[in-house]
């Protein structure tokens, strides 16, 4: 509830006492998503407000002092410097506080969760804002921030006791509190009385910081969670909440996310190994490609033209064998097709064995990582495992600008070409030399790129996810396993005589066997 209207109502009341007639001394940003506002009060003391508005967590802090960095900081809302605060108020039924300055200028702290912002209004019209990414805020006017709601008993009767219609700002937490008091079992008068008692409680509540299943929370209501801190001081509450969110809440969140991520990777590796082992059983029970080619060559006169399959004598193992054919090819050409597959078969077996060995090692490694995360007691002990939660810097081109299919796994961005010309565009123009290039082996298909602008070692599980896409967007999409070439983009080139989509791979750094798979 740290951004709830009723909590902000208390905060605005305290800020009014402290900031009335104070002058804006500094307003600057030196960290992404962080704005620092400094005031000089009439008694000569400084008062600081630190606005931390990240995409995952937003809150206010009130440090006793704040030292501005010598560089990498930028001044904001300079027109307000040395202006005097005349009033502080919370907007009606809204999660926003207005700091009113002389000259009809209002600095609004808009505390809308991951859409929080600081906006400057002049004579009610938008003049500037801190978070430029929130485009809709540019169209706001000051008058839109107040939400007038009839909260009389008559309106309550008309709403048939629906407290949400009158006080939506109580939110889910307020609704749960009313239910614990037996709200639904009361008469209309009893419900109104309970509602008024709750509102009276919220005027000067005990502020608690609790640990819940979802993390660290600030609440104005009695709560079943473990209470970590209690106070009546709204500034202390926010400072402690921010600190505990990162020292306790973020540790629990990251640990839970790591356990979930590693658990999925571990389970996936186990299933993948099972699939590989089933493929070996299938191969062992199947006729070798070279044997099939020999059988076809021995009975060319028995192969009907345009047939999709043929049943012939198996002179290797006895009995009959049904052989699939390409109806567009002649008997000798079908035999040659099987000879070509036989040529690559020994290589694929070696690749298969290497993949099985690597997957077994990966299962052991992931199991060890899981135990390490589970044993961690403090945030610094999670540091060796945070690579699994790594988020790459966003690329310069947005998804709307790029003409490729785009996927993201474990923070790594993957691009997939859409057609032959698009493949050339992807590989020759957009991909950089240290990006990873993938393509299904010996068949036509999409070029696939793993972006690697930081020139880091790409994790094996990310390569395999990209390889699954390369296999899916290829002529081998219907096969159970597909060999995929993996190499650095710098080893891929094109000469003028090649058709669109065709390239020369000077060095195959690795070939992986994967199941074709489309994932999002």
Protein backbone atom coordinates (compact mmCIF):
# COMPACT_ATOMS: atom_id res chain seq x y z
CA UNK A 1 0.00 0.00 0.00
CA UNK A 2 3.00 2.34 -0.23
CA UNK A 3 1.41 3.94 -3.32
CA UNK A 4 -2.18 3.70 -2.05
CA UNK A 5 -4.33 6.85 -1.90
CA UNK A 6 -4.89 6.57 1.87
CA UNK A 7 -1.18 6.20 2.57
CA UNK A 8 -0.42 9.14 0.26
CA UNK A 9 -3.06 11.17 2.08
CA UNK A 10 -1.05 10.79 5.29
CA UNK A 11 2.20 11.48 3.43
CA UNK A 12 0.81 14.66 1.86
CA UNK A 13 -0.34 15.89 5.28
CA UNK A 14 3.17 15.45 6.71
CA UNK A 15 4.82 16.99 3.65
CA UNK A 16 2.56 20.04 3.92
CA UNK A 17 3.84 20.73 7.44
CA UNK A 18 7.48 20.39 6.38
CA UNK A 19 7.53 21.97 2.90
CA UNK A 20 5.16 24.93 3.15
CA UNK A 21 7.30 28.03 2.40
CA UNK A 22 10.35 25.85 1.64
CA UNK A 23 12.29 26.67 -1.53
CA UNK A 24 13.28 24.18 -4.22
CA UNK A 25 17.05 23.97 -3.98
CA UNK A 26 17.97 21.16 -6.37
CA UNK A 27 16.23 18.81 -8.78
CA UNK A 28 18.43 16.36 -10.68
CA UNK A 29 18.89 12.81 -11.89
CA UNK A 30 22.14 10.85 -11.73
CA UNK A 31 20.77 7.30 -11.99
CA UNK A 32 18.37 5.80 -14.50
CA UNK A 33 14.77 5.99 -13.21
CA UNK A 34 15.83 8.04 -10.18
CA UNK A 35 14.99 11.70 -9.47
CA UNK A 36 16.28 13.62 -6.44
CA UNK A 37 14.43 16.73 -5.21
CA UNK A 38 16.06 18.92 -2.56
CA UNK A 39 14.39 21.72 -0.56
CA UNK A 40 15.69 24.36 1.82
CA UNK A 41 13.26 24.95 4.68
CA UNK A 42 12.73 28.25 6.47
CA UNK A 43 14.79 27.03 9.44
CA UNK A 44 17.76 26.46 7.11
CA UNK A 45 17.51 22.66 7.13
CA UNK A 46 17.53 20.63 3.95
CA UNK A 47 14.79 18.14 3.08
CA UNK A 48 15.29 15.48 0.41
CA UNK A 49 12.85 13.41 -1.64
CA UNK A 50 14.32 10.56 -3.69
CA UNK A 51 11.96 9.17 -6.35
CA UNK A 52 12.91 5.67 -7.49
CA UNK A 53 10.69 4.79 -10.44
CA UNK A 54 11.90 1.51 -11.93
CA UNK A 55 9.79 -0.65 -14.23
CA UNK A 56 9.52 -3.37 -11.56
CA UNK A 57 9.40 -1.29 -8.37
CA UNK A 58 8.64 2.35 -7.58
CA UNK A 59 8.77 4.15 -4.24
CA UNK A 60 9.74 7.38 -2.50
CA UNK A 61 12.55 7.75 0.01
CA UNK A 62 13.45 10.57 2.39
CA UNK A 63 17.21 10.49 3.12
CA UNK A 64 18.60 12.77 5.83
CA UNK A 65 21.26 14.00 3.42
CA UNK A 66 22.25 13.46 -0.18
CA UNK A 67 25.53 14.10 -1.99
CA UNK A 68 25.28 14.85 -5.66
CA UNK A 69 27.78 13.11 -7.93
CA UNK A 70 30.44 15.30 -9.53
CA UNK A 71 29.39 14.19 -13.00
CA UNK A 72 26.85 12.07 -14.85
CA UNK A 73 23.97 14.03 -13.35
CA UNK A 74 21.49 16.27 -15.12
CA UNK A 75 19.32 19.12 -13.81
CA UNK A 76 15.57 18.86 -14.34
CA UNK A 77 12.65 21.29 -13.91
CA UNK A 78 15.13 24.20 -13.71
CA UNK A 79 12.30 26.75 -14.01
CA UNK A 80 11.21 25.80 -10.48
CA UNK A 81 14.57 26.44 -8.78
CA UNK A 82 14.30 28.80 -5.76
CA UNK A 83 10.51 28.84 -6.08
CA UNK A 84 8.56 28.60 -2.83
CA UNK A 85 6.11 25.81 -1.97
CA UNK A 86 2.66 27.16 -1.09
CA UNK A 87 0.76 23.93 -0.49
CA UNK A 88 0.91 20.12 -0.69
CA UNK A 89 -2.18 18.03 -1.32
CA UNK A 90 -3.19 14.55 -2.42
CA UNK A 91 -5.55 14.45 -5.40
CA UNK A 92 -9.09 13.23 -4.81
CA UNK A 93 -9.32 9.43 -4.90
CA UNK A 94 -6.04 9.19 -6.78
CA UNK A 95 -2.45 8.03 -6.22
CA UNK A 96 -0.79 11.37 -6.80
CA UNK A 97 0.54 14.24 -4.66
CA UNK A 98 0.82 17.84 -5.87
CA UNK A 99 3.49 20.29 -4.69
CA UNK A 100 2.04 23.76 -5.39
CA UNK A 101 4.53 26.58 -6.05
CA UNK A 102 4.13 30.31 -6.54
CA UNK A 103 3.25 31.22 -10.11
CA UNK A 104 0.60 28.51 -10.57
CA UNK A 105 3.25 25.82 -11.05
CA UNK A 106 2.53 22.34 -9.70
CA UNK A 107 4.99 19.48 -9.47
CA UNK A 108 3.01 16.23 -9.35
CA UNK A 109 4.37 13.01 -7.88
CA UNK A 110 2.30 10.51 -9.86
CA UNK A 111 2.69 7.17 -8.04
CA UNK A 112 1.08 4.68 -10.41
CA UNK A 113 3.23 1.60 -9.78
CA UNK A 114 5.42 0.87 -12.82
CA UNK A 115 3.93 3.97 -14.52
CA UNK A 116 5.10 6.38 -11.81
CA UNK A 117 6.35 9.78 -12.91
CA UNK A 118 7.05 13.36 -11.87
CA UNK A 119 5.20 15.90 -14.01
CA UNK A 120 5.35 19.70 -14.05
CA UNK A 121 2.19 21.69 -14.80
CA UNK A 122 1.96 25.44 -15.48
CA UNK A 123 -1.51 26.98 -15.10
CA UNK A 124 -2.94 23.46 -15.29
CA UNK A 125 -1.18 22.51 -18.55
CA UNK A 126 1.60 19.97 -19.00
CA UNK A 127 5.06 21.61 -19.11
CA UNK A 128 7.49 18.70 -18.67
CA UNK A 129 8.01 15.28 -17.13
CA UNK A 130 10.76 13.04 -15.76
CA UNK A 131 9.94 9.67 -17.39
CA UNK A 132 9.81 10.38 -21.12
CA UNK A 133 8.90 6.75 -21.90
CA UNK A 134 5.40 7.29 -20.47
CA UNK A 135 3.95 8.87 -23.58
CA UNK A 136 0.37 9.17 -22.33
CA UNK A 137 1.50 11.51 -19.52
CA UNK A 138 2.28 14.21 -22.10
CA UNK A 139 -1.48 14.56 -22.70
CA UNK A 140 -2.41 14.96 -19.03
CA UNK A 141 -3.85 18.16 -17.61
CA UNK A 142 -3.89 18.99 -13.92
CA UNK A 143 -7.68 18.88 -13.77
CA UNK A 144 -7.75 15.24 -14.86
CA UNK A 145 -5.98 14.05 -11.72
CA UNK A 146 -8.87 14.63 -9.30
CA UNK A 147 -11.54 11.90 -9.32
CA UNK A 148 -14.75 13.17 -7.78
CA UNK A 149 -16.93 10.38 -6.33
CA UNK A 150 -20.17 10.76 -4.37
CA UNK A 151 -19.37 9.08 -1.05
CA UNK A 152 -22.58 9.87 0.81
CA UNK A 153 -24.78 7.32 2.55
CA UNK A 154 -27.40 7.87 -0.13
CA UNK A 155 -24.89 6.90 -2.82
CA UNK A 156 -23.93 3.87 -0.70
CA UNK A 157 -27.59 2.79 -0.55
CA UNK A 158 -27.96 3.29 -4.29
CA UNK A 159 -24.87 1.07 -4.81
CA UNK A 160 -26.55 -1.56 -2.59
CA UNK A 161 -23.67 -1.68 -0.13
CA UNK A 162 -20.93 -2.05 -2.74
CA UNK A 163 -18.02 -0.28 -1.00
CA UNK A 164 -15.93 -0.49 -4.19
CA UNK A 165 -18.30 1.89 -5.98
CA UNK A 166 -17.60 4.63 -3.40
CA UNK A 167 -14.07 3.82 -2.25
CA UNK A 168 -12.20 2.02 -5.05
CA UNK A 169 -9.00 3.33 -3.46
CA UNK A 170 -9.38 0.82 -0.60
CA UNK A 171 -8.28 -1.80 -3.08
CA UNK A 172 -8.08 -5.54 -2.58
CA UNK A 173 -6.34 -5.20 0.77
CA UNK A 174 -9.12 -2.99 2.13
CA UNK A 175 -11.73 -5.41 0.78
CA UNK A 176 -10.03 -8.35 2.52
CA UNK A 177 -9.95 -6.40 5.78
CA UNK A 178 -13.68 -5.63 5.54
CA UNK A 179 -14.42 -9.31 4.86
CA UNK A 180 -12.46 -10.31 7.96
CA UNK A 181 -14.70 -7.96 9.94
CA UNK A 182 -17.76 -9.80 8.61
CA UNK A 183 -18.85 -7.08 6.18
CA UNK A 184 -21.06 -9.27 3.96
CA UNK A 185 -23.06 -10.55 6.97
CA UNK A 186 -24.04 -7.05 8.10
CA UNK A 187 -27.17 -5.06 7.32
CA UNK A 188 -26.84 -1.97 5.12
CA UNK A 189 -26.48 0.21 8.22
CA UNK A 190 -23.95 -2.19 9.72
CA UNK A 191 -21.92 -2.22 6.53
CA UNK A 192 -21.88 1.58 6.43
CA UNK A 193 -20.75 1.70 10.05
CA UNK A 194 -17.92 -0.77 9.40
CA UNK A 195 -16.86 1.23 6.35
CA UNK A 196 -16.74 4.50 8.33
CA UNK A 197 -14.78 2.85 11.14
CA UNK A 198 -12.26 1.57 8.58
CA UNK A 199 -11.89 5.04 7.05
CA UNK A 200 -11.38 6.52 10.52
CA UNK A 201 -8.70 3.89 11.23
CA UNK A 202 -6.92 4.79 7.99
CA UNK A 203 -6.65 8.43 9.03
CA UNK A 204 -3.97 7.63 11.68
CA UNK A 205 -3.06 3.97 11.29
CA UNK A 206 -0.16 1.89 12.55
CA UNK A 207 2.04 1.43 9.49
CA UNK A 208 3.46 -2.09 9.18
CA UNK A 209 6.04 -3.60 6.87
CA UNK A 210 5.37 -7.30 6.48
CA UNK A 211 6.78 -10.25 4.61
CA UNK A 212 4.22 -12.09 2.51
CA UNK A 213 4.34 -14.92 -0.01
CA UNK A 214 4.71 -12.28 -2.75
CA UNK A 215 7.51 -10.37 -1.01
CA UNK A 216 7.88 -7.31 1.23
CA UNK A 217 4.75 -5.15 1.56
CA UNK A 218 3.73 -1.98 3.38
CA UNK A 219 0.24 -2.07 4.86
CA UNK A 220 -2.10 0.11 6.90
CA UNK A 221 -4.21 -2.88 7.96
CA UNK A 222 -3.60 -5.68 10.47
CA UNK A 223 -1.91 -8.47 8.48
CA UNK A 224 -1.22 -12.18 8.87
CA UNK A 225 2.29 -11.86 7.41
CA UNK A 226 5.49 -11.68 9.44
CA UNK A 227 5.82 -8.09 10.73
CA UNK A 228 9.33 -6.74 10.08
CA UNK A 229 8.81 -3.12 11.16
CA UNK A 230 6.06 -0.93 12.63
CA UNK A 231 5.84 2.83 13.00
CA UNK A 232 3.52 5.80 12.97
CA UNK A 233 6.10 7.90 11.08
CA UNK A 234 5.36 7.87 7.36
CA UNK A 235 8.92 8.87 6.35
CA UNK A 236 10.53 6.14 8.46
CA UNK A 237 8.04 3.66 7.02
CA UNK A 238 9.00 4.43 3.42
CA UNK A 239 12.74 4.42 4.15
CA UNK A 240 12.53 1.05 5.92
CA UNK A 241 10.25 -0.35 3.24
CA UNK A 242 12.69 0.57 0.47
CA UNK A 243 15.63 -0.91 2.39
CA UNK A 244 13.83 -4.16 3.28
CA UNK A 245 12.47 -4.52 -0.25
CA UNK A 246 16.01 -4.83 -1.60
CA UNK A 247 17.75 -6.53 1.32
CA UNK A 248 15.04 -9.12 1.97
CA UNK A 249 12.38 -8.91 -0.73
CA UNK A 250 14.73 -8.79 -3.72
CA UNK A 251 16.80 -11.64 -2.30
CA UNK A 252 13.69 -13.81 -1.93
CA UNK A 253 12.41 -12.78 -5.35
CA UNK A 254 15.71 -13.49 -7.09
CA UNK A 255 16.15 -16.76 -5.24
CA UNK A 256 12.65 -17.89 -6.17
CA UNK A 257 13.15 -16.84 -9.79
CA UNK A 258 16.51 -18.63 -9.95
CA UNK A 259 15.02 -21.80 -8.48
CA UNK A 260 12.21 -21.65 -11.03
CA UNK A 261 14.53 -20.92 -13.98
CA UNK A 262 17.13 -23.54 -13.04
CA UNK A 263 14.40 -26.04 -12.26
CA UNK A 264 12.89 -25.62 -15.73
CA UNK A 265 16.30 -25.90 -17.40
CA UNK A 266 17.11 -29.02 -15.34
CA UNK A 267 13.80 -30.68 -16.21
CA UNK A 268 14.13 -29.72 -19.86
CA UNK A 269 17.64 -31.18 -20.02
CA UNK A 270 16.34 -34.45 -18.52
CA UNK A 271 13.50 -34.64 -21.05
CA UNK A 272 15.89 -33.80 -23.86
CA UNK A 273 18.24 -36.61 -22.81
CA UNK A 274 15.31 -39.01 -22.71
CA UNK A 275 14.41 -37.97 -26.24
CA UNK A 276 17.97 -38.55 -27.43
CA UNK A 277 18.03 -42.01 -25.85
CA UNK A 278 14.71 -42.90 -27.50
CA UNK A 279 16.16 -41.77 -30.80
CA UNK A 280 19.06 -44.21 -30.33
CA UNK A 281 16.64 -47.09 -29.73
CA UNK A 282 14.78 -46.11 -32.90
CA UNK A 283 18.00 -45.96 -34.88
CA UNK A 284 19.20 -49.32 -33.60
CA UNK A 285 15.95 -50.94 -34.73
CA UNK A 286 15.96 -49.25 -38.14
CA UNK A 287 17.55 -50.31 -41.37
CA UNK A 288 20.79 -48.42 -42.19
CA UNK A 289 20.54 -45.88 -45.02
CA UNK A 290 23.28 -47.63 -47.04
CA UNK A 291 21.43 -50.95 -46.79
CA UNK A 292 18.24 -49.30 -48.04
CA UNK A 293 20.16 -47.81 -50.99
CA UNK A 294 21.57 -51.25 -51.85
CA UNK A 295 18.13 -52.88 -51.68
CA UNK A 296 16.72 -50.22 -54.02
CA UNK A 297 19.54 -50.67 -56.50
CA UNK A 298 19.06 -54.46 -56.43
CA UNK A 299 15.35 -54.19 -57.30
CA UNK A 300 15.21 -51.14 -59.58
CA UNK A 301 12.91 -53.03 -61.96
CA UNK A 302 10.33 -53.45 -59.16
CA UNK A 303 10.07 -49.74 -58.29
CA UNK A 304 6.97 -48.18 -59.91
CA UNK A 305 7.34 -44.67 -61.32
CA UNK A 306 5.95 -41.91 -59.07
CA UNK A 307 5.50 -44.23 -56.06
CA UNK A 308 5.67 -42.77 -52.54
CA UNK A 309 6.81 -46.13 -51.08
CA UNK A 310 7.68 -49.65 -52.15
CA UNK A 311 7.79 -53.04 -50.41
CA UNK A 312 10.89 -55.12 -51.28
CA UNK A 313 12.77 -58.17 -50.01
CA UNK A 314 15.21 -57.42 -47.21
CA UNK A 315 18.18 -59.62 -48.11
CA UNK A 316 20.10 -58.34 -45.05
CA UNK A 317 17.67 -59.41 -42.34
CA UNK A 318 15.05 -61.49 -44.15
CA UNK A 319 11.38 -60.77 -44.76
CA UNK A 320 9.96 -57.68 -46.38
CA UNK A 321 10.80 -53.98 -45.85
CA UNK A 322 8.72 -50.91 -46.77
CA UNK A 323 10.88 -48.07 -48.10
CA UNK A 324 9.72 -44.45 -48.40
CA UNK A 325 10.37 -42.84 -51.78
CA UNK A 326 10.33 -39.38 -53.27
CA UNK A 327 7.73 -39.71 -56.05
CA UNK A 328 9.47 -37.01 -58.08
CA UNK A 329 12.72 -39.00 -58.28
CA UNK A 330 13.63 -42.11 -60.24
CA UNK A 331 14.69 -45.38 -58.59
CA UNK A 332 18.43 -44.68 -58.89
CA UNK A 333 17.93 -41.11 -57.68
CA UNK A 334 16.04 -42.36 -54.61
CA UNK A 335 18.88 -44.81 -53.94
CA UNK A 336 21.39 -41.98 -54.30
CA UNK A 337 19.35 -39.97 -51.80
CA UNK A 338 19.73 -42.77 -49.22
CA UNK A 339 23.47 -43.07 -49.98
CA UNK A 340 23.83 -39.34 -49.31
CA UNK A 341 22.08 -39.75 -45.95
CA UNK A 342 24.36 -42.69 -45.15
CA UNK A 343 27.38 -40.50 -45.82
CA UNK A 344 26.36 -38.09 -43.07
CA UNK A 345 25.11 -40.82 -40.75
CA UNK A 346 28.46 -41.52 -39.08
CA UNK A 347 28.95 -37.81 -38.45
CA UNK A 348 25.47 -37.53 -36.94
CA UNK A 349 26.18 -40.52 -34.69
CA UNK A 350 29.32 -38.79 -33.40
CA UNK A 351 27.34 -35.60 -32.89
CA UNK A 352 24.63 -37.55 -31.13
CA UNK A 353 27.13 -39.12 -28.73
CA UNK A 354 28.72 -35.73 -28.03
CA UNK A 355 25.28 -34.20 -27.39
CA UNK A 356 24.34 -37.02 -24.99
CA UNK A 357 27.60 -36.57 -23.07
CA UNK A 358 27.14 -32.81 -22.93
CA UNK A 359 23.53 -33.11 -21.84
CA UNK A 360 24.44 -35.51 -19.03
CA UNK A 361 27.12 -33.10 -17.83
CA UNK A 362 24.62 -30.24 -18.06
CA UNK A 363 22.11 -32.15 -15.91
CA UNK A 364 24.75 -32.69 -13.24
CA UNK A 365 25.85 -29.04 -13.41
CA UNK A 366 22.28 -27.70 -13.19
CA UNK A 367 21.60 -29.99 -10.24
CA UNK A 368 24.65 -28.55 -8.48
CA UNK A 369 23.52 -25.00 -9.29
CA UNK A 370 20.06 -25.70 -7.89
CA UNK A 371 21.55 -26.94 -4.61
CA UNK A 372 23.75 -23.86 -4.43
CA UNK A 373 20.83 -21.47 -4.90
CA UNK A 374 18.70 -23.40 -2.41
CA UNK A 375 21.46 -23.12 0.22
CA UNK A 376 21.93 -19.33 -0.28
CA UNK A 377 20.94 -17.25 2.75
CA UNK A 378 21.88 -13.73 1.63
CA UNK A 379 21.80 -11.88 -1.69
CA UNK A 380 25.56 -11.90 -2.30
CA UNK A 381 25.52 -15.71 -2.27
CA UNK A 382 23.26 -15.62 -5.35
CA UNK A 383 25.81 -13.64 -7.39
CA UNK A 384 27.45 -16.68 -9.08
CA UNK A 385 24.06 -17.77 -10.41
CA UNK A 386 22.66 -14.43 -11.62
CA UNK A 387 23.92 -15.13 -15.16
CA UNK A 388 20.74 -17.14 -15.61
CA UNK A 389 18.70 -14.00 -15.03
CA UNK A 390 20.93 -11.80 -17.16
CA UNK A 391 19.08 -9.24 -19.18
CA UNK A 392 20.84 -8.02 -22.28
CA UNK A 393 20.81 -4.32 -23.10
CA UNK A 394 18.00 -3.62 -25.49
CA UNK A 395 19.15 -3.39 -29.09
CA UNK A 396 19.06 -0.06 -30.90
CA UNK A 397 16.31 -1.25 -33.18
CA UNK A 398 12.92 -1.76 -31.60
CA UNK A 399 10.84 -4.79 -32.46
CA UNK A 400 8.59 -2.61 -34.63
CA UNK A 401 11.57 -1.44 -36.69
CA UNK A 402 13.18 -4.83 -37.29
CA UNK A 403 11.88 -6.95 -40.20
CA UNK A 404 12.72 -10.31 -38.56
CA UNK A 405 11.00 -12.71 -36.23
CA UNK A 406 12.30 -12.01 -32.72
CA UNK A 407 12.54 -14.21 -29.66
CA UNK A 408 14.05 -13.77 -26.19
CA UNK A 409 15.35 -16.50 -23.87
CA UNK A 410 17.16 -15.91 -20.57
CA UNK A 411 17.76 -12.31 -21.61
CA UNK A 412 19.35 -13.19 -24.98
CA UNK A 413 17.77 -11.80 -28.17
CA UNK A 414 17.36 -14.14 -31.17
CA UNK A 415 16.54 -13.01 -34.71
CA UNK A 416 15.10 -15.35 -37.37
CA UNK A 417 14.99 -14.59 -41.09
CA UNK A 418 11.60 -14.78 -42.84
CA UNK A 419 12.64 -15.68 -46.42
CA UNK A 420 15.69 -15.88 -48.69
CA UNK A 421 16.10 -12.12 -49.24
CA UNK A 422 15.32 -11.47 -45.59
CA UNK A 423 18.03 -13.98 -44.61
CA UNK A 424 20.58 -11.96 -46.60
CA UNK A 425 19.42 -8.75 -44.90
CA UNK A 426 19.71 -10.36 -41.47
CA UNK A 427 23.14 -11.96 -41.97
CA UNK A 428 24.84 -9.35 -44.13
CA UNK A 429 23.47 -6.08 -42.74
CA UNK A 430 22.12 -6.46 -39.22
CA UNK A 431 24.24 -9.24 -37.70
CA UNK A 432 27.64 -8.30 -36.25
CA UNK A 433 30.75 -10.43 -36.47
CA UNK A 434 30.60 -11.68 -32.86
CA UNK A 435 26.93 -12.65 -33.09
CA UNK A 436 26.22 -16.38 -33.27
CA UNK A 437 24.91 -17.66 -36.64
CA UNK A 438 22.85 -20.87 -36.91
CA UNK A 439 21.34 -22.82 -39.80
CA UNK A 440 19.88 -26.31 -40.29
CA UNK A 441 22.54 -28.45 -41.94
CA UNK A 442 22.28 -29.60 -45.58
CA UNK A 443 18.80 -28.17 -46.14
CA UNK A 444 17.26 -24.79 -46.91
CA UNK A 445 15.90 -22.79 -44.00
CA UNK A 446 15.99 -19.54 -42.06
CA UNK A 447 19.19 -17.89 -40.93
CA UNK A 448 19.14 -17.50 -37.14
CA UNK A 449 21.21 -14.99 -35.16
CA UNK A 450 21.91 -14.84 -31.41
CA UNK A 451 22.76 -11.22 -30.64
CA UNK A 452 26.02 -10.88 -28.71
CA UNK A 453 27.01 -7.18 -28.60
CA UNK A 454 29.02 -7.69 -25.39
CA UNK A 455 31.07 -10.51 -26.98
CA UNK A 456 30.28 -12.88 -24.11
CA UNK A 457 30.17 -16.66 -24.01
CA UNK A 458 26.66 -17.66 -25.04
CA UNK A 459 25.24 -20.31 -22.64
CA UNK A 460 24.65 -23.78 -24.10
CA UNK A 461 20.93 -23.71 -23.30
CA UNK A 462 20.54 -20.46 -25.26
CA UNK A 463 22.33 -21.96 -28.29
CA UNK A 464 20.04 -24.99 -28.13
CA UNK A 465 16.91 -22.82 -27.95
CA UNK A 466 18.09 -20.88 -31.03
CA UNK A 467 18.97 -24.16 -32.78
CA UNK A 468 15.43 -25.43 -32.15
CA UNK A 469 14.15 -22.39 -34.06
CA UNK A 470 16.65 -22.94 -36.90
CA UNK A 471 15.43 -26.54 -37.16
CA UNK A 472 11.76 -25.52 -37.02
CA UNK A 473 12.15 -22.91 -39.78
CA UNK A 474 13.84 -25.36 -42.16
CA UNK A 475 13.03 -28.28 -44.48
CA UNK A 476 13.78 -30.59 -41.55
CA UNK A 477 10.92 -29.23 -39.44
CA UNK A 478 9.09 -32.58 -39.45
CA UNK A 479 12.09 -34.71 -38.49
CA UNK A 480 12.57 -35.90 -34.91
CA UNK A 481 16.13 -34.57 -34.69
CA UNK A 482 17.93 -32.02 -36.84
CA UNK A 483 21.65 -31.17 -37.04
CA UNK A 484 22.20 -27.39 -36.84
CA UNK A 485 25.39 -25.52 -37.74
CA UNK A 486 26.57 -23.08 -35.04
CA UNK A 487 29.34 -20.58 -35.78
CA UNK A 488 30.32 -16.96 -35.31
CA UNK A 489 28.82 -14.67 -37.96
CA UNK A 490 32.34 -13.58 -38.96
CA UNK A 491 32.83 -17.02 -40.55
CA UNK A 492 29.81 -16.55 -42.85
CA UNK A 493 30.21 -14.76 -46.20
CA UNK A 494 28.48 -14.38 -49.56
CA UNK A 495 29.84 -14.12 -53.08
CA UNK A 496 28.12 -12.41 -55.99
CA UNK A 497 27.33 -15.64 -57.80
CA UNK A 498 25.19 -17.02 -54.95
CA UNK A 499 21.40 -16.87 -54.99
CA UNK A 500 19.39 -14.96 -52.31
CA UNK A 501 19.74 -16.69 -48.95
CA UNK A 502 22.78 -18.73 -50.01
CA UNK A 503 26.01 -18.18 -48.10
CA UNK A 504 29.41 -19.81 -47.60
CA UNK A 505 30.32 -21.02 -44.10
CA UNK A 506 34.11 -20.98 -43.82
CA UNK A 507 34.16 -22.61 -40.39
CA UNK A 508 31.58 -24.72 -38.59
CA UNK A 509 32.49 -24.22 -34.94
CA UNK A 510 29.88 -26.69 -33.74
CA UNK A 511 26.99 -28.84 -34.92
CA UNK A 512 24.19 -29.52 -32.43
CA UNK A 513 21.35 -32.04 -32.68
CA UNK A 514 18.00 -30.66 -31.58
CA UNK A 515 14.30 -31.27 -31.94
CA UNK A 516 12.59 -28.72 -34.22
CA UNK A 517 10.58 -26.53 -31.87
CA UNK A 518 8.70 -23.23 -32.14
CA UNK A 519 8.57 -21.40 -28.82
CA UNK A 520 7.70 -17.89 -27.68
